[in-house]
Amino acid sequence: MTMRVLFLGEGTSDSGIVPQIEKFAAQLSIEIAVTDPDLSRLSNPPGRAVADKLRVAVEIGGRYDLIIVHRDADRDGRQARLAEITQAIQTIAPTTCHAAVIPVRMTEAWLLTNESEIRQIAGNPKGRIPLNLPAPTKVESLPDPKKTLKETLGVASGLSGRKLNKFHDRFSQHRRQLLERLDPDGGIKMVPSWQFFITDLKAGLTAAADKVLE
């Protein structure tokens, strides 16, 4: 039986996480169909709060077997975000299994763990300009991973002037592609927040699958 999974991201480029979710579900031999709504396109879109987005998504899509919520830790930290997600689930869908995706500090930190993919997405896979990426164990300590990633992609592209400006305009697209191409067996596996995500995701998938079979 195919499970209905709701993925709630912070923005449309977060959809790049969906292929990762599907990949791990397949490893567990669990069939899923992921709904990834773009709530920003509604005539009256919800705010950024998890509870607001979840309420609208459930009203539109009905019941799900598993709810996966993505929320960057930012300056509040993992525990604060986890509490926010848990509270929203308990209030709006208390009987539904859930899993949390909480990058520290931002999702962009995860994307700094694979130099070859950064060069590929930048359109200059054979580039030799040093990117000076932090070690995977250090990416969560960066004060502004988004800025670092954007600058790194620019350096990797080898572009300058107007071409570089146009390249930077596609940052959201590049970000999504990097998420889709994350190698779970690469440097990302050394990042604590990724480890938490995978553990939580597998537990959520397994619990939801067991519940469906009851």
C-alpha atoms as a PDB file:
ATOM      1  CA  MET A   1       0.000   0.000   0.000  1.00  0.00           C
ATOM      2  CA  THR A   2       1.283   3.462  -0.914  1.00  0.00           C
ATOM      3  CA  MET A   3       1.537   5.895   1.993  1.00  0.00           C
ATOM      4  CA  ARG A   4       0.489   9.519   1.636  1.00  0.00           C
ATOM      5  CA  VAL A   5       3.279  11.810   2.795  1.00  0.00           C
ATOM      6  CA  LEU A   6       3.023  15.569   3.251  1.00  0.00           C
ATOM      7  CA  PHE A   7       6.235  17.565   2.931  1.00  0.00           C
ATOM      8  CA  LEU A   8       6.146  21.107   4.280  1.00  0.00           C
ATOM      9  CA  GLY A   9       9.158  23.206   3.337  1.00  0.00           C
ATOM     10  CA  GLU A  10      10.042  26.816   4.033  1.00  0.00           C
ATOM     11  CA  GLY A  11      10.274  27.676   0.333  1.00  0.00           C
ATOM     12  CA  THR A  12       9.938  26.121  -3.103  1.00  0.00           C
ATOM     13  CA  SER A  13      13.658  25.333  -3.404  1.00  0.00           C
ATOM     14  CA  ASP A  14      13.322  23.081  -0.346  1.00  0.00           C
ATOM     15  CA  SER A  15      11.534  20.650  -2.662  1.00  0.00           C
ATOM     16  CA  GLY A  16      14.983  19.308  -3.454  1.00  0.00           C
ATOM     17  CA  ILE A  17      14.737  17.338  -0.207  1.00  0.00           C
ATOM     18  CA  VAL A  18      11.826  15.277  -1.569  1.00  0.00           C
ATOM     19  CA  PRO A  19      14.031  12.995  -3.729  1.00  0.00           C
ATOM     20  CA  GLN A  20      16.126  12.282  -0.625  1.00  0.00           C
ATOM     21  CA  ILE A  21      12.973  11.282   1.264  1.00  0.00           C
ATOM     22  CA  GLU A  22      11.901   9.031  -1.607  1.00  0.00           C
ATOM     23  CA  LYS A  23      15.347   7.467  -1.735  1.00  0.00           C
ATOM     24  CA  PHE A  24      15.339   6.463   1.932  1.00  0.00           C
ATOM     25  CA  ALA A  25      11.757   5.201   1.709  1.00  0.00           C
ATOM     26  CA  ALA A  26      12.815   2.949  -1.176  1.00  0.00           C
ATOM     27  CA  GLN A  27      15.710   1.613   0.903  1.00  0.00           C
ATOM     28  CA  LEU A  28      13.150   0.611   3.535  1.00  0.00           C
ATOM     29  CA  SER A  29      10.908  -0.924   0.828  1.00  0.00           C
ATOM     30  CA  ILE A  30       8.159   1.554   1.722  1.00  0.00           C
ATOM     31  CA  GLU A  31       6.052   2.974  -1.102  1.00  0.00           C
ATOM     32  CA  ILE A  32       5.207   6.643  -0.696  1.00  0.00           C
ATOM     33  CA  ALA A  33       3.493   9.408  -2.636  1.00  0.00           C
ATOM     34  CA  VAL A  34       4.771  12.809  -1.520  1.00  0.00           C
ATOM     35  CA  THR A  35       2.618  15.930  -1.643  1.00  0.00           C
ATOM     36  CA  ASP A  36       4.742  19.084  -1.697  1.00  0.00           C
ATOM     37  CA  PRO A  37       2.309  22.026  -1.825  1.00  0.00           C
ATOM     38  CA  ASP A  38       3.369  25.531  -2.824  1.00  0.00           C
ATOM     39  CA  LEU A  39       1.201  27.384  -0.323  1.00  0.00           C
ATOM     40  CA  SER A  40       2.609  30.737  -1.404  1.00  0.00           C
ATOM     41  CA  ARG A  41       0.464  30.543  -4.533  1.00  0.00           C
ATOM     42  CA  LEU A  42      -2.787  30.597  -2.585  1.00  0.00           C
ATOM     43  CA  SER A  43      -4.870  33.769  -2.714  1.00  0.00           C
ATOM     44  CA  ASN A  44      -4.472  34.012   1.058  1.00  0.00           C
ATOM     45  CA  PRO A  45      -1.199  32.219   1.852  1.00  0.00           C
ATOM     46  CA  PRO A  46      -0.378  31.230   5.445  1.00  0.00           C
ATOM     47  CA  GLY A  47       2.429  32.804   7.451  1.00  0.00           C
ATOM     48  CA  ARG A  48       5.818  31.239   8.139  1.00  0.00           C
ATOM     49  CA  ALA A  49       4.732  29.492  11.351  1.00  0.00           C
ATOM     50  CA  VAL A  50       4.609  25.711  11.022  1.00  0.00           C
ATOM     51  CA  ALA A  51       1.135  25.535  12.578  1.00  0.00           C
ATOM     52  CA  ASP A  52      -0.281  28.019  10.074  1.00  0.00           C
ATOM     53  CA  LYS A  53       1.119  26.173   7.068  1.00  0.00           C
ATOM     54  CA  LEU A  54       0.171  22.752   8.407  1.00  0.00           C
ATOM     55  CA  ARG A  55      -3.413  23.801   9.101  1.00  0.00           C
ATOM     56  CA  VAL A  56      -3.891  25.017   5.532  1.00  0.00           C
ATOM     57  CA  ALA A  57      -2.136  22.005   3.981  1.00  0.00           C
ATOM     58  CA  VAL A  58      -4.328  19.553   5.891  1.00  0.00           C
ATOM     59  CA  GLU A  59      -7.481  21.493   5.051  1.00  0.00           C
ATOM     60  CA  ILE A  60      -6.603  21.231   1.370  1.00  0.00           C
ATOM     61  CA  GLY A  61      -5.107  17.750   1.196  1.00  0.00           C
ATOM     62  CA  GLY A  62      -6.960  15.829   3.886  1.00  0.00           C
ATOM     63  CA  ARG A  63      -5.415  13.015   5.903  1.00  0.00           C
ATOM     64  CA  TYR A  64      -1.808  11.919   5.518  1.00  0.00           C
ATOM     65  CA  ASP A  65       0.064   8.896   6.847  1.00  0.00           C
ATOM     66  CA  LEU A  66       3.243  10.873   7.531  1.00  0.00           C
ATOM     67  CA  ILE A  67       3.976  14.585   7.827  1.00  0.00           C
ATOM     68  CA  ILE A  68       7.544  15.781   7.241  1.00  0.00           C
ATOM     69  CA  VAL A  69       8.306  19.366   8.219  1.00  0.00           C
ATOM     70  CA  HIS A  70      11.392  21.286   7.150  1.00  0.00           C
ATOM     71  CA  ARG A  71      12.452  24.234   9.307  1.00  0.00           C
ATOM     72  CA  ASP A  72      15.920  25.754   9.430  1.00  0.00           C
ATOM     73  CA  ALA A  73      17.288  26.080  12.954  1.00  0.00           C
ATOM     74  CA  ASP A  74      18.564  29.606  12.231  1.00  0.00           C
ATOM     75  CA  ARG A  75      19.505  31.314  15.513  1.00  0.00           C
ATOM     76  CA  ASP A  76      16.869  29.538  17.590  1.00  0.00           C
ATOM     77  CA  GLY A  77      18.566  26.137  17.512  1.00  0.00           C
ATOM     78  CA  ARG A  78      17.375  22.623  16.807  1.00  0.00           C
ATOM     79  CA  GLN A  79      15.445  22.067  20.039  1.00  0.00           C
ATOM     80  CA  ALA A  80      13.325  25.198  19.617  1.00  0.00           C
ATOM     81  CA  ARG A  81      12.412  24.220  16.058  1.00  0.00           C
ATOM     82  CA  LEU A  82      11.676  20.648  17.094  1.00  0.00           C
ATOM     83  CA  ALA A  83       9.346  21.914  19.823  1.00  0.00           C
ATOM     84  CA  GLU A  84       7.577  24.162  17.307  1.00  0.00           C
ATOM     85  CA  ILE A  85       7.056  21.276  14.884  1.00  0.00           C
ATOM     86  CA  THR A  86       5.908  18.863  17.583  1.00  0.00           C
ATOM     87  CA  GLN A  87       3.437  21.382  18.995  1.00  0.00           C
ATOM     88  CA  ALA A  88       1.984  22.057  15.546  1.00  0.00           C
ATOM     89  CA  ILE A  89       1.500  18.347  14.873  1.00  0.00           C
ATOM     90  CA  GLN A  90      -0.095  17.738  18.269  1.00  0.00           C
ATOM     91  CA  THR A  91      -2.497  20.620  17.710  1.00  0.00           C
ATOM     92  CA  ILE A  92      -3.522  19.992  14.111  1.00  0.00           C
ATOM     93  CA  ALA A  93      -2.817  16.328  13.307  1.00  0.00           C
ATOM     94  CA  PRO A  94      -2.243  14.607  16.661  1.00  0.00           C
ATOM     95  CA  THR A  95      -2.724  11.048  15.387  1.00  0.00           C
ATOM     96  CA  THR A  96      -0.375  11.425  12.417  1.00  0.00           C
ATOM     97  CA  CYS A  97       3.229  10.196  12.427  1.00  0.00           C
ATOM     98  CA  HIS A  98       5.773  12.897  11.700  1.00  0.00           C
ATOM     99  CA  ALA A  99       9.444  13.600  11.073  1.00  0.00           C
ATOM    100  CA  ALA A 100      11.468  16.808  11.263  1.00  0.00           C
ATOM    101  CA  VAL A 101      14.079  18.232   8.894  1.00  0.00           C
ATOM    102  CA  ILE A 102      16.070  20.816  10.862  1.00  0.00           C
ATOM    103  CA  PRO A 103      19.334  21.902   9.217  1.00  0.00           C
ATOM    104  CA  VAL A 104      21.746  23.859  11.446  1.00  0.00           C
ATOM    105  CA  ARG A 105      21.874  26.756  10.932  1.00  0.00           C
ATOM    106  CA  MET A 106      20.476  26.714   7.436  1.00  0.00           C
ATOM    107  CA  THR A 107      19.917  24.179   4.680  1.00  0.00           C
ATOM    108  CA  GLU A 108      22.733  25.824   2.732  1.00  0.00           C
ATOM    109  CA  ALA A 109      25.201  24.439   5.290  1.00  0.00           C
ATOM    110  CA  TRP A 110      24.390  20.931   4.055  1.00  0.00           C
ATOM    111  CA  LEU A 111      25.080  21.972   0.476  1.00  0.00           C
ATOM    112  CA  LEU A 112      28.651  22.995   1.242  1.00  0.00           C
ATOM    113  CA  THR A 113      29.701  19.377   1.798  1.00  0.00           C
ATOM    114  CA  ASN A 114      30.191  18.317  -1.834  1.00  0.00           C
ATOM    115  CA  GLU A 115      32.724  20.262  -3.870  1.00  0.00           C
ATOM    116  CA  SER A 116      32.287  18.256  -7.078  1.00  0.00           C
ATOM    117  CA  GLU A 117      28.525  18.889  -7.185  1.00  0.00           C
ATOM    118  CA  ILE A 118      29.017  22.595  -6.505  1.00  0.00           C
ATOM    119  CA  ARG A 119      31.366  22.790  -9.484  1.00  0.00           C
ATOM    120  CA  GLN A 120      28.925  20.777 -11.597  1.00  0.00           C
ATOM    121  CA  ILE A 121      25.933  22.974 -10.740  1.00  0.00           C
ATOM    122  CA  ALA A 122      28.073  26.063 -11.319  1.00  0.00           C
ATOM    123  CA  GLY A 123      28.583  24.873 -14.893  1.00  0.00           C
ATOM    124  CA  ASN A 124      32.352  24.549 -14.540  1.00  0.00           C
ATOM    125  CA  PRO A 125      32.996  20.938 -13.433  1.00  0.00           C
ATOM    126  CA  LYS A 126      36.687  21.023 -14.387  1.00  0.00           C
ATOM    127  CA  GLY A 127      37.362  24.322 -12.655  1.00  0.00           C
ATOM    128  CA  ARG A 128      40.569  24.557 -10.639  1.00  0.00           C
ATOM    129  CA  ILE A 129      39.901  27.701  -8.622  1.00  0.00           C
ATOM    130  CA  PRO A 130      40.173  26.730  -4.910  1.00  0.00           C
ATOM    131  CA  LEU A 131      36.788  26.881  -3.170  1.00  0.00           C
ATOM    132  CA  ASN A 132      38.170  26.639   0.368  1.00  0.00           C
ATOM    133  CA  LEU A 133      35.125  24.788   1.659  1.00  0.00           C
ATOM    134  CA  PRO A 134      34.882  24.122   5.396  1.00  0.00           C
ATOM    135  CA  ALA A 135      35.136  20.551   6.625  1.00  0.00           C
ATOM    136  CA  PRO A 136      31.717  18.834   6.853  1.00  0.00           C
ATOM    137  CA  THR A 137      32.050  18.805  10.634  1.00  0.00           C
ATOM    138  CA  LYS A 138      32.411  22.609  10.604  1.00  0.00           C
ATOM    139  CA  VAL A 139      29.602  23.720   8.267  1.00  0.00           C
ATOM    140  CA  GLU A 140      27.078  24.088  11.089  1.00  0.00           C
ATOM    141  CA  SER A 141      29.315  26.720  12.695  1.00  0.00           C
ATOM    142  CA  LEU A 142      29.177  29.101   9.737  1.00  0.00           C
ATOM    143  CA  PRO A 143      27.425  32.377  10.643  1.00  0.00           C
ATOM    144  CA  ASP A 144      25.772  32.748   7.213  1.00  0.00           C
ATOM    145  CA  PRO A 145      25.808  29.517   5.157  1.00  0.00           C
ATOM    146  CA  LYS A 146      23.512  31.017   2.516  1.00  0.00           C
ATOM    147  CA  LYS A 147      25.945  33.831   1.785  1.00  0.00           C
ATOM    148  CA  THR A 148      28.868  31.399   1.793  1.00  0.00           C
ATOM    149  CA  LEU A 149      27.155  29.030  -0.638  1.00  0.00           C
ATOM    150  CA  LYS A 150      26.155  31.813  -3.018  1.00  0.00           C
ATOM    151  CA  GLU A 151      29.685  33.217  -3.041  1.00  0.00           C
ATOM    152  CA  THR A 152      31.187  29.741  -3.460  1.00  0.00           C
ATOM    153  CA  LEU A 153      28.968  28.959  -6.442  1.00  0.00           C
ATOM    154  CA  GLY A 154      30.030  32.249  -7.983  1.00  0.00           C
ATOM    155  CA  VAL A 155      33.715  31.449  -7.523  1.00  0.00           C
ATOM    156  CA  ALA A 156      33.203  27.933  -8.896  1.00  0.00           C
ATOM    157  CA  SER A 157      31.476  29.302 -11.995  1.00  0.00           C
ATOM    158  CA  GLY A 158      34.521  31.324 -12.991  1.00  0.00           C
ATOM    159  CA  LEU A 159      32.194  34.074 -14.212  1.00  0.00           C
ATOM    160  CA  SER A 160      32.430  37.811 -13.657  1.00  0.00           C
ATOM    161  CA  GLY A 161      30.512  41.011 -14.352  1.00  0.00           C
ATOM    162  CA  ARG A 162      27.025  40.759 -15.826  1.00  0.00           C
ATOM    163  CA  LYS A 163      27.323  37.038 -16.439  1.00  0.00           C
ATOM    164  CA  LEU A 164      28.015  36.487 -12.754  1.00  0.00           C
ATOM    165  CA  ASN A 165      25.043  38.658 -11.780  1.00  0.00           C
ATOM    166  CA  LYS A 166      22.740  36.627 -14.033  1.00  0.00           C
ATOM    167  CA  PHE A 167      24.212  33.453 -12.577  1.00  0.00           C
ATOM    168  CA  HIS A 168      23.434  34.624  -9.029  1.00  0.00           C
ATOM    169  CA  ASP A 169      19.829  35.294 -10.091  1.00  0.00           C
ATOM    170  CA  ARG A 170      19.436  31.512 -10.436  1.00  0.00           C
ATOM    171  CA  PHE A 171      20.552  30.800  -6.876  1.00  0.00           C
ATOM    172  CA  SER A 172      17.236  29.225  -5.806  1.00  0.00           C
ATOM    173  CA  GLN A 173      17.414  26.857  -8.768  1.00  0.00           C
ATOM    174  CA  HIS A 174      21.020  25.947  -7.984  1.00  0.00           C
ATOM    175  CA  ARG A 175      20.129  25.399  -4.335  1.00  0.00           C
ATOM    176  CA  ARG A 176      17.344  23.001  -5.245  1.00  0.00           C
ATOM    177  CA  GLN A 177      19.584  21.051  -7.604  1.00  0.00           C
ATOM    178  CA  LEU A 178      22.258  20.697  -4.935  1.00  0.00           C
ATOM    179  CA  LEU A 179      19.667  19.371  -2.489  1.00  0.00           C
ATOM    180  CA  GLU A 180      18.459  16.817  -5.010  1.00  0.00           C
ATOM    181  CA  ARG A 181      22.025  15.658  -5.659  1.00  0.00           C
ATOM    182  CA  LEU A 182      23.179  15.366  -2.059  1.00  0.00           C
ATOM    183  CA  ASP A 183      25.074  12.116  -1.662  1.00  0.00           C
ATOM    184  CA  PRO A 184      23.976  10.479   1.626  1.00  0.00           C
ATOM    185  CA  ASP A 185      27.257   8.561   1.652  1.00  0.00           C
ATOM    186  CA  GLY A 186      29.383  11.665   1.109  1.00  0.00           C
ATOM    187  CA  GLY A 187      30.578  14.353   3.487  1.00  0.00           C
ATOM    188  CA  ILE A 188      27.014  15.164   4.540  1.00  0.00           C
ATOM    189  CA  LYS A 189      26.889  12.001   6.644  1.00  0.00           C
ATOM    190  CA  MET A 190      29.307  13.661   9.088  1.00  0.00           C
ATOM    191  CA  VAL A 191      26.974  16.616   9.717  1.00  0.00           C
ATOM    192  CA  PRO A 192      25.015  16.145  12.993  1.00  0.00           C
ATOM    193  CA  SER A 193      21.772  17.775  11.811  1.00  0.00           C
ATOM    194  CA  TRP A 194      21.738  15.501   8.750  1.00  0.00           C
ATOM    195  CA  GLN A 195      22.233  12.494  10.999  1.00  0.00           C
ATOM    196  CA  PHE A 196      19.263  13.602  13.116  1.00  0.00           C
ATOM    197  CA  PHE A 197      17.181  14.046   9.959  1.00  0.00           C
ATOM    198  CA  ILE A 198      17.917  10.564   8.637  1.00  0.00           C
ATOM    199  CA  THR A 199      17.269   8.924  12.015  1.00  0.00           C
ATOM    200  CA  ASP A 200      13.994  10.817  12.424  1.00  0.00           C
ATOM    201  CA  LEU A 201      12.938  10.168   8.830  1.00  0.00           C
ATOM    202  CA  LYS A 202      13.513   6.427   9.032  1.00  0.00           C
ATOM    203  CA  ALA A 203      11.685   6.244  12.367  1.00  0.00           C
ATOM    204  CA  GLY A 204       8.766   8.225  10.959  1.00  0.00           C
ATOM    205  CA  LEU A 205       8.543   6.126   7.799  1.00  0.00           C
ATOM    206  CA  THR A 206       8.665   2.891   9.779  1.00  0.00           C
ATOM    207  CA  ALA A 207       6.087   4.028  12.338  1.00  0.00           C
ATOM    208  CA  ALA A 208       3.731   5.244   9.613  1.00  0.00           C
ATOM    209  CA  ALA A 209       4.107   2.015   7.643  1.00  0.00           C
ATOM    210  CA  ASP A 210       3.376  -0.070  10.744  1.00  0.00           C
ATOM    211  CA  LYS A 211       0.315   2.048  11.472  1.00  0.00           C
ATOM    212  CA  VAL A 212      -1.016   1.605   7.939  1.00  0.00           C
ATOM    213  CA  LEU A 213      -0.785  -2.166   8.345  1.00  0.00           C
ATOM    214  CA  GLU A 214      -2.729  -2.199  11.625  1.00  0.00           C
END
